[in-house]
Amino acid sequence: MKEEVRIDKWLWAMRLFKTRSIAADACKKGKIMISGQNIKPSRTIKVGDIIQIRKSPIIYSFRVLALTENRLGAKLVPEYMENVTTSDQYELLETTKISGFINRDKGTGRPTKKERRDLDEFLSDTFFDDEID
C-alpha cells in the first residue's frame, strides 16, 4: 500500500468525481481544501487527512482511512474514507432544497414537472375544495 497519493487520483478513485480531470479542475478552482487551505491537484495526501469538498451550498468533509490510486467499486469505498460532514451542513442542504421552490425568481421559465404537481396539489387542497357543488 502506498504512503502518499495525489489528491486528484484519490478523489477519482473514491468516486467523488466522475473523471480525474474533473477532480483536478475542482482543485484548481479552489473547491478542494485540506485544513482550510486550497490545494493543487498534485498535492499528496496521507492517511488521517481530512479533505473538504465545496459543492454548493455545503462543504462535505471526508477522513482518509486508506490510500489507493485505482478506482474502487462503490461497496469498497467505506474502507478507504469516512464521511465526517457535520449535521449543520446537511440541515443547510435541506433548507436550500425547500426554499428552492418557494423563492422562484420571476421569469426563470416554466415550472418543472415536480414543481407543477406540487403547485396543483397546493391549489386543489386550499382553494377549490369548497366551491364544488
N, C-alpha and C. Protein backbone atom coordinates (compact mmCIF):
# COMPACT_ATOMS: atom_id res chain seq x y z
N MET A 1 0.84 -1.18 0.00
CA MET A 1 0.00 0.00 0.00
C MET A 1 0.89 1.25 0.00
N LYS A 2 0.46 2.25 -0.70
CA LYS A 2 1.24 3.48 -0.82
C LYS A 2 1.11 4.33 0.44
N GLU A 3 2.13 5.17 0.67
CA GLU A 3 2.10 6.08 1.81
C GLU A 3 1.53 7.43 1.44
N GLU A 4 1.70 7.83 0.18
CA GLU A 4 1.17 9.10 -0.30
C GLU A 4 0.58 8.92 -1.69
N VAL A 5 -0.52 9.64 -1.94
CA VAL A 5 -1.20 9.58 -3.24
C VAL A 5 -1.62 11.00 -3.61
N ARG A 6 -1.59 11.29 -4.89
CA ARG A 6 -2.06 12.60 -5.36
C ARG A 6 -3.55 12.75 -5.05
N ILE A 7 -3.94 13.95 -4.66
CA ILE A 7 -5.33 14.21 -4.27
C ILE A 7 -6.30 13.98 -5.44
N ASP A 8 -5.92 14.38 -6.65
CA ASP A 8 -6.85 14.20 -7.77
C ASP A 8 -7.08 12.72 -8.08
N LYS A 9 -6.04 11.90 -7.96
CA LYS A 9 -6.20 10.46 -8.18
C LYS A 9 -7.08 9.84 -7.10
N TRP A 10 -6.88 10.26 -5.86
CA TRP A 10 -7.64 9.69 -4.75
C TRP A 10 -9.12 10.07 -4.84
N LEU A 11 -9.41 11.33 -5.18
CA LEU A 11 -10.81 11.77 -5.31
C LEU A 11 -11.51 10.99 -6.42
N TRP A 12 -10.82 10.74 -7.51
CA TRP A 12 -11.39 9.95 -8.61
C TRP A 12 -11.59 8.50 -8.17
N ALA A 13 -10.59 7.93 -7.49
CA ALA A 13 -10.67 6.54 -7.06
C ALA A 13 -11.80 6.32 -6.05
N MET A 14 -12.10 7.33 -5.24
CA MET A 14 -13.16 7.22 -4.23
C MET A 14 -14.54 7.53 -4.80
N ARG A 15 -14.61 7.76 -6.11
CA ARG A 15 -15.87 8.02 -6.80
C ARG A 15 -16.53 9.32 -6.38
N LEU A 16 -15.74 10.28 -5.90
CA LEU A 16 -16.28 11.59 -5.56
C LEU A 16 -16.41 12.45 -6.82
N PHE A 17 -15.61 12.12 -7.85
CA PHE A 17 -15.69 12.80 -9.14
C PHE A 17 -15.68 11.75 -10.24
N LYS A 18 -16.38 12.04 -11.32
CA LYS A 18 -16.55 11.06 -12.40
C LYS A 18 -15.24 10.79 -13.14
N THR A 19 -14.43 11.82 -13.35
CA THR A 19 -13.15 11.65 -14.01
C THR A 19 -12.05 12.33 -13.21
N ARG A 20 -10.83 11.93 -13.47
CA ARG A 20 -9.69 12.53 -12.77
C ARG A 20 -9.51 13.98 -13.19
N SER A 21 -9.79 14.29 -14.45
CA SER A 21 -9.63 15.67 -14.90
C SER A 21 -10.65 16.59 -14.23
N ILE A 22 -11.85 16.10 -13.97
CA ILE A 22 -12.84 16.91 -13.25
C ILE A 22 -12.37 17.14 -11.82
N ALA A 23 -11.76 16.13 -11.20
CA ALA A 23 -11.21 16.29 -9.85
C ALA A 23 -10.08 17.31 -9.85
N ALA A 24 -9.22 17.26 -10.87
CA ALA A 24 -8.12 18.22 -10.97
C ALA A 24 -8.65 19.64 -11.17
N ASP A 25 -9.68 19.79 -12.00
CA ASP A 25 -10.29 21.11 -12.21
C ASP A 25 -10.89 21.66 -10.92
N ALA A 26 -11.51 20.79 -10.13
CA ALA A 26 -12.08 21.23 -8.86
C ALA A 26 -10.98 21.73 -7.93
N CYS A 27 -9.83 21.08 -7.94
CA CYS A 27 -8.70 21.54 -7.13
C CYS A 27 -8.23 22.91 -7.61
N LYS A 28 -8.10 23.06 -8.92
CA LYS A 28 -7.62 24.33 -9.49
C LYS A 28 -8.58 25.48 -9.20
N LYS A 29 -9.87 25.18 -9.14
CA LYS A 29 -10.88 26.22 -8.89
C LYS A 29 -11.06 26.52 -7.41
N GLY A 30 -10.33 25.83 -6.54
CA GLY A 30 -10.40 26.11 -5.11
C GLY A 30 -11.55 25.43 -4.40
N LYS A 31 -12.07 24.36 -4.96
CA LYS A 31 -13.20 23.68 -4.34
C LYS A 31 -12.77 22.54 -3.41
N ILE A 32 -11.48 22.19 -3.43
CA ILE A 32 -10.95 21.14 -2.58
C ILE A 32 -9.99 21.78 -1.57
N MET A 33 -10.17 21.44 -0.29
CA MET A 33 -9.33 22.04 0.75
C MET A 33 -8.86 20.95 1.72
N ILE A 34 -7.70 21.18 2.28
CA ILE A 34 -7.19 20.39 3.40
C ILE A 34 -6.79 21.39 4.47
N SER A 35 -7.32 21.23 5.66
CA SER A 35 -7.07 22.15 6.78
C SER A 35 -7.44 23.59 6.42
N GLY A 36 -8.49 23.75 5.63
CA GLY A 36 -8.97 25.08 5.28
C GLY A 36 -8.17 25.79 4.21
N GLN A 37 -7.17 25.13 3.62
CA GLN A 37 -6.35 25.74 2.58
C GLN A 37 -6.63 25.08 1.25
N ASN A 38 -6.77 25.91 0.21
CA ASN A 38 -6.95 25.38 -1.14
C ASN A 38 -5.69 24.66 -1.55
N ILE A 39 -5.86 23.61 -2.34
CA ILE A 39 -4.71 22.81 -2.73
C ILE A 39 -4.67 22.60 -4.23
N LYS A 40 -3.49 22.21 -4.71
CA LYS A 40 -3.30 21.90 -6.12
C LYS A 40 -3.57 20.42 -6.35
N PRO A 41 -3.87 20.03 -7.60
CA PRO A 41 -4.15 18.62 -7.89
C PRO A 41 -2.98 17.69 -7.60
N SER A 42 -1.76 18.21 -7.61
CA SER A 42 -0.59 17.36 -7.40
C SER A 42 -0.27 17.17 -5.92
N ARG A 43 -0.99 17.80 -5.05
CA ARG A 43 -0.74 17.68 -3.60
C ARG A 43 -0.95 16.24 -3.16
N THR A 44 -0.03 15.73 -2.37
CA THR A 44 -0.17 14.36 -1.89
C THR A 44 -0.90 14.35 -0.55
N ILE A 45 -1.66 13.29 -0.33
CA ILE A 45 -2.40 13.15 0.93
C ILE A 45 -1.90 11.93 1.66
N LYS A 46 -2.16 11.90 2.97
CA LYS A 46 -1.75 10.79 3.82
C LYS A 46 -2.96 10.27 4.56
N VAL A 47 -2.85 9.10 5.15
CA VAL A 47 -3.91 8.54 5.97
C VAL A 47 -4.13 9.48 7.17
N GLY A 48 -5.40 9.78 7.44
CA GLY A 48 -5.74 10.66 8.55
C GLY A 48 -6.08 12.07 8.13
N ASP A 49 -5.73 12.47 6.91
CA ASP A 49 -6.07 13.82 6.43
C ASP A 49 -7.58 13.96 6.32
N ILE A 50 -8.06 15.18 6.56
CA ILE A 50 -9.48 15.48 6.36
C ILE A 50 -9.59 16.39 5.15
N ILE A 51 -10.31 15.91 4.16
CA ILE A 51 -10.47 16.62 2.89
C ILE A 51 -11.85 17.25 2.86
N GLN A 52 -11.90 18.54 2.50
CA GLN A 52 -13.17 19.25 2.41
C GLN A 52 -13.44 19.55 0.95
N ILE A 53 -14.66 19.25 0.52
CA ILE A 53 -15.07 19.48 -0.87
C ILE A 53 -16.24 20.43 -0.86
N ARG A 54 -16.08 21.56 -1.51
CA ARG A 54 -17.14 22.57 -1.56
C ARG A 54 -18.00 22.32 -2.79
N LYS A 55 -19.21 21.81 -2.55
CA LYS A 55 -20.22 21.65 -3.60
C LYS A 55 -21.40 22.46 -3.12
N SER A 56 -21.66 23.53 -3.82
CA SER A 56 -22.65 24.50 -3.37
C SER A 56 -23.96 23.80 -3.04
N PRO A 57 -24.59 24.11 -1.95
CA PRO A 57 -24.32 25.16 -0.97
C PRO A 57 -23.56 24.69 0.26
N ILE A 58 -23.07 23.44 0.30
CA ILE A 58 -22.44 22.96 1.53
C ILE A 58 -21.01 22.50 1.28
N ILE A 59 -20.32 22.22 2.38
CA ILE A 59 -18.95 21.70 2.33
C ILE A 59 -18.95 20.30 2.93
N TYR A 60 -18.63 19.30 2.09
CA TYR A 60 -18.53 17.92 2.55
C TYR A 60 -17.13 17.70 3.12
N SER A 61 -17.03 16.88 4.17
CA SER A 61 -15.74 16.54 4.77
C SER A 61 -15.57 15.03 4.81
N PHE A 62 -14.37 14.58 4.44
CA PHE A 62 -14.06 13.16 4.42
C PHE A 62 -12.71 12.91 5.07
N ARG A 63 -12.63 11.89 5.92
CA ARG A 63 -11.36 11.48 6.54
C ARG A 63 -10.78 10.33 5.73
N VAL A 64 -9.49 10.43 5.41
CA VAL A 64 -8.80 9.41 4.64
C VAL A 64 -8.44 8.25 5.57
N LEU A 65 -8.96 7.07 5.28
CA LEU A 65 -8.67 5.88 6.08
C LEU A 65 -7.58 5.01 5.44
N ALA A 66 -7.52 5.01 4.11
CA ALA A 66 -6.51 4.24 3.38
C ALA A 66 -6.30 4.91 2.02
N LEU A 67 -5.20 4.58 1.37
CA LEU A 67 -4.85 5.22 0.11
C LEU A 67 -4.88 4.21 -1.03
N THR A 68 -5.28 4.70 -2.19
CA THR A 68 -5.23 3.90 -3.41
C THR A 68 -5.27 4.85 -4.60
N GLU A 69 -4.68 4.39 -5.70
CA GLU A 69 -4.74 5.15 -6.95
C GLU A 69 -5.72 4.52 -7.93
N ASN A 70 -6.18 3.32 -7.62
CA ASN A 70 -7.07 2.58 -8.51
C ASN A 70 -8.52 2.84 -8.13
N ARG A 71 -9.35 2.99 -9.13
CA ARG A 71 -10.77 3.23 -8.89
C ARG A 71 -11.40 1.99 -8.25
N LEU A 72 -12.21 2.23 -7.22
CA LEU A 72 -12.80 1.15 -6.45
C LEU A 72 -14.26 0.94 -6.78
N GLY A 73 -14.75 -0.22 -6.46
CA GLY A 73 -16.18 -0.46 -6.52
C GLY A 73 -16.85 0.31 -5.40
N ALA A 74 -18.08 0.69 -5.58
CA ALA A 74 -18.78 1.52 -4.60
C ALA A 74 -18.86 0.87 -3.23
N LYS A 75 -18.93 -0.46 -3.17
CA LYS A 75 -19.04 -1.15 -1.89
C LYS A 75 -17.74 -1.09 -1.09
N LEU A 76 -16.61 -0.88 -1.76
CA LEU A 76 -15.32 -0.84 -1.07
C LEU A 76 -14.94 0.55 -0.57
N VAL A 77 -15.61 1.58 -1.03
CA VAL A 77 -15.25 2.95 -0.67
C VAL A 77 -15.26 3.20 0.84
N PRO A 78 -16.23 2.70 1.63
CA PRO A 78 -16.20 2.97 3.08
C PRO A 78 -14.96 2.46 3.80
N GLU A 79 -14.23 1.51 3.22
CA GLU A 79 -12.99 1.03 3.82
C GLU A 79 -11.85 2.02 3.64
N TYR A 80 -11.99 2.95 2.69
CA TYR A 80 -10.92 3.89 2.36
C TYR A 80 -11.20 5.32 2.82
N MET A 81 -12.46 5.65 3.09
CA MET A 81 -12.76 7.01 3.56
C MET A 81 -13.98 6.99 4.46
N GLU A 82 -14.06 8.01 5.32
CA GLU A 82 -15.17 8.15 6.25
C GLU A 82 -15.78 9.54 6.06
N ASN A 83 -17.08 9.59 5.95
CA ASN A 83 -17.77 10.87 5.81
C ASN A 83 -17.89 11.51 7.19
N VAL A 84 -17.26 12.66 7.39
CA VAL A 84 -17.31 13.37 8.67
C VAL A 84 -17.97 14.74 8.51
N THR A 85 -18.84 14.87 7.52
CA THR A 85 -19.57 16.12 7.31
C THR A 85 -20.48 16.38 8.49
N THR A 86 -20.48 17.61 8.99
CA THR A 86 -21.28 17.94 10.17
C THR A 86 -22.76 17.99 9.83
N SER A 87 -23.59 17.77 10.84
CA SER A 87 -25.04 17.73 10.63
C SER A 87 -25.59 19.10 10.23
N ASP A 88 -24.96 20.19 10.68
CA ASP A 88 -25.46 21.51 10.29
C ASP A 88 -25.31 21.76 8.80
N GLN A 89 -24.33 21.13 8.15
CA GLN A 89 -24.18 21.26 6.70
C GLN A 89 -25.34 20.56 5.98
N TYR A 90 -25.75 19.39 6.49
CA TYR A 90 -26.88 18.68 5.88
C TYR A 90 -28.19 19.44 6.11
N GLU A 91 -28.32 20.10 7.27
CA GLU A 91 -29.51 20.92 7.53
C GLU A 91 -29.56 22.08 6.55
N LEU A 92 -28.41 22.68 6.26
CA LEU A 92 -28.34 23.77 5.29
C LEU A 92 -28.77 23.28 3.91
N LEU A 93 -28.36 22.07 3.55
CA LEU A 93 -28.76 21.49 2.27
C LEU A 93 -30.27 21.31 2.20
N GLU A 94 -30.89 20.81 3.27
CA GLU A 94 -32.33 20.61 3.30
C GLU A 94 -33.08 21.93 3.18
N THR A 95 -32.62 22.96 3.89
CA THR A 95 -33.31 24.25 3.82
C THR A 95 -33.21 24.86 2.43
N THR A 96 -32.09 24.68 1.75
CA THR A 96 -32.00 25.22 0.40
C THR A 96 -32.87 24.44 -0.57
N LYS A 97 -33.04 23.12 -0.34
CA LYS A 97 -33.94 22.34 -1.20
C LYS A 97 -35.37 22.82 -1.03
N ILE A 98 -35.77 23.07 0.21
CA ILE A 98 -37.14 23.51 0.49
C ILE A 98 -37.38 24.91 -0.06
N SER A 99 -36.44 25.80 0.15
CA SER A 99 -36.64 27.18 -0.27
C SER A 99 -36.49 27.36 -1.77
N GLY A 100 -35.94 26.37 -2.47
CA GLY A 100 -35.77 26.49 -3.91
C GLY A 100 -37.09 26.64 -4.64
N PHE A 101 -38.13 25.98 -4.18
CA PHE A 101 -39.44 26.07 -4.83
C PHE A 101 -40.13 27.37 -4.44
N ILE A 102 -40.01 27.78 -3.21
CA ILE A 102 -40.71 28.96 -2.72
C ILE A 102 -40.13 30.24 -3.31
N ASN A 103 -38.83 30.33 -3.40
CA ASN A 103 -38.17 31.55 -3.84
C ASN A 103 -37.86 31.52 -5.33
N ARG A 104 -38.77 31.11 -6.13
CA ARG A 104 -38.55 31.05 -7.57
C ARG A 104 -38.55 32.46 -8.14
N ASP A 105 -37.48 32.81 -8.83
CA ASP A 105 -37.37 34.14 -9.42
C ASP A 105 -38.35 34.27 -10.58
N LYS A 106 -38.94 35.45 -10.69
CA LYS A 106 -39.90 35.70 -11.77
C LYS A 106 -39.15 35.69 -13.10
N GLY A 107 -39.74 35.01 -14.07
CA GLY A 107 -39.16 35.00 -15.41
C GLY A 107 -38.08 33.95 -15.62
N THR A 108 -37.96 32.99 -14.72
CA THR A 108 -36.92 31.97 -14.89
C THR A 108 -37.41 30.80 -15.72
N GLY A 109 -38.56 30.92 -16.32
CA GLY A 109 -39.04 29.85 -17.19
C GLY A 109 -40.19 29.09 -16.58
N ARG A 110 -40.59 28.06 -17.29
CA ARG A 110 -41.72 27.25 -16.85
C ARG A 110 -41.33 26.42 -15.64
N PRO A 111 -42.32 26.09 -14.81
CA PRO A 111 -42.01 25.21 -13.68
C PRO A 111 -41.68 23.81 -14.16
N THR A 112 -40.87 23.11 -13.38
CA THR A 112 -40.57 21.73 -13.71
C THR A 112 -41.81 20.88 -13.46
N LYS A 113 -41.77 19.63 -13.89
CA LYS A 113 -42.92 18.74 -13.71
C LYS A 113 -43.24 18.58 -12.22
N LYS A 114 -42.21 18.43 -11.39
CA LYS A 114 -42.42 18.26 -9.96
C LYS A 114 -43.01 19.54 -9.35
N GLU A 115 -42.47 20.69 -9.74
CA GLU A 115 -43.00 21.95 -9.23
C GLU A 115 -44.46 22.13 -9.64
N ARG A 116 -44.79 21.76 -10.85
CA ARG A 116 -46.17 21.88 -11.33
C ARG A 116 -47.11 20.98 -10.53
N ARG A 117 -46.68 19.76 -10.26
CA ARG A 117 -47.52 18.85 -9.45
C ARG A 117 -47.70 19.39 -8.04
N ASP A 118 -46.63 19.89 -7.45
CA ASP A 118 -46.72 20.47 -6.11
C ASP A 118 -47.67 21.67 -6.10
N LEU A 119 -47.59 22.49 -7.13
CA LEU A 119 -48.45 23.65 -7.23
C LEU A 119 -49.91 23.23 -7.40
N ASP A 120 -50.16 22.26 -8.27
CA ASP A 120 -51.53 21.76 -8.46
C ASP A 120 -52.09 21.18 -7.16
N GLU A 121 -51.28 20.42 -6.45
CA GLU A 121 -51.72 19.83 -5.19
C GLU A 121 -52.04 20.91 -4.16
N PHE A 122 -51.19 21.92 -4.09
CA PHE A 122 -51.39 23.01 -3.14
C PHE A 122 -52.68 23.77 -3.46
N LEU A 123 -52.89 24.09 -4.74
CA LEU A 123 -54.07 24.85 -5.12
C LEU A 123 -55.35 24.04 -4.92
N SER A 124 -55.32 22.76 -5.24
CA SER A 124 -56.53 21.95 -5.09
C SER A 124 -56.89 21.73 -3.63
N ASP A 125 -55.90 21.66 -2.76
CA ASP A 125 -56.16 21.44 -1.34
C ASP A 125 -56.72 22.69 -0.65
N THR A 126 -56.32 23.86 -1.09
CA THR A 126 -56.68 25.06 -0.34
C THR A 126 -57.85 25.86 -0.92
N PHE A 127 -57.90 26.04 -2.22
CA PHE A 127 -58.84 26.99 -2.77
C PHE A 127 -60.11 26.39 -3.35
N PHE A 128 -60.05 25.24 -3.95
CA PHE A 128 -61.16 24.78 -4.76
C PHE A 128 -62.02 23.70 -4.14
N ASP A 129 -61.70 23.24 -2.93
CA ASP A 129 -62.47 22.18 -2.31
C ASP A 129 -63.89 22.61 -1.95
N ASP A 130 -64.05 23.83 -1.49
CA ASP A 130 -65.35 24.31 -1.02
C ASP A 130 -66.29 24.72 -2.14
N GLU A 131 -65.76 25.05 -3.32
CA GLU A 131 -66.58 25.61 -4.38
C GLU A 131 -67.33 24.57 -5.19
N ILE A 132 -66.97 23.31 -5.12
CA ILE A 132 -67.62 22.28 -5.95
C ILE A 132 -68.99 21.95 -5.36
N ASP A 133 -70.02 22.03 -6.20
CA ASP A 133 -71.39 21.74 -5.75
C ASP A 133 -71.87 20.43 -6.28
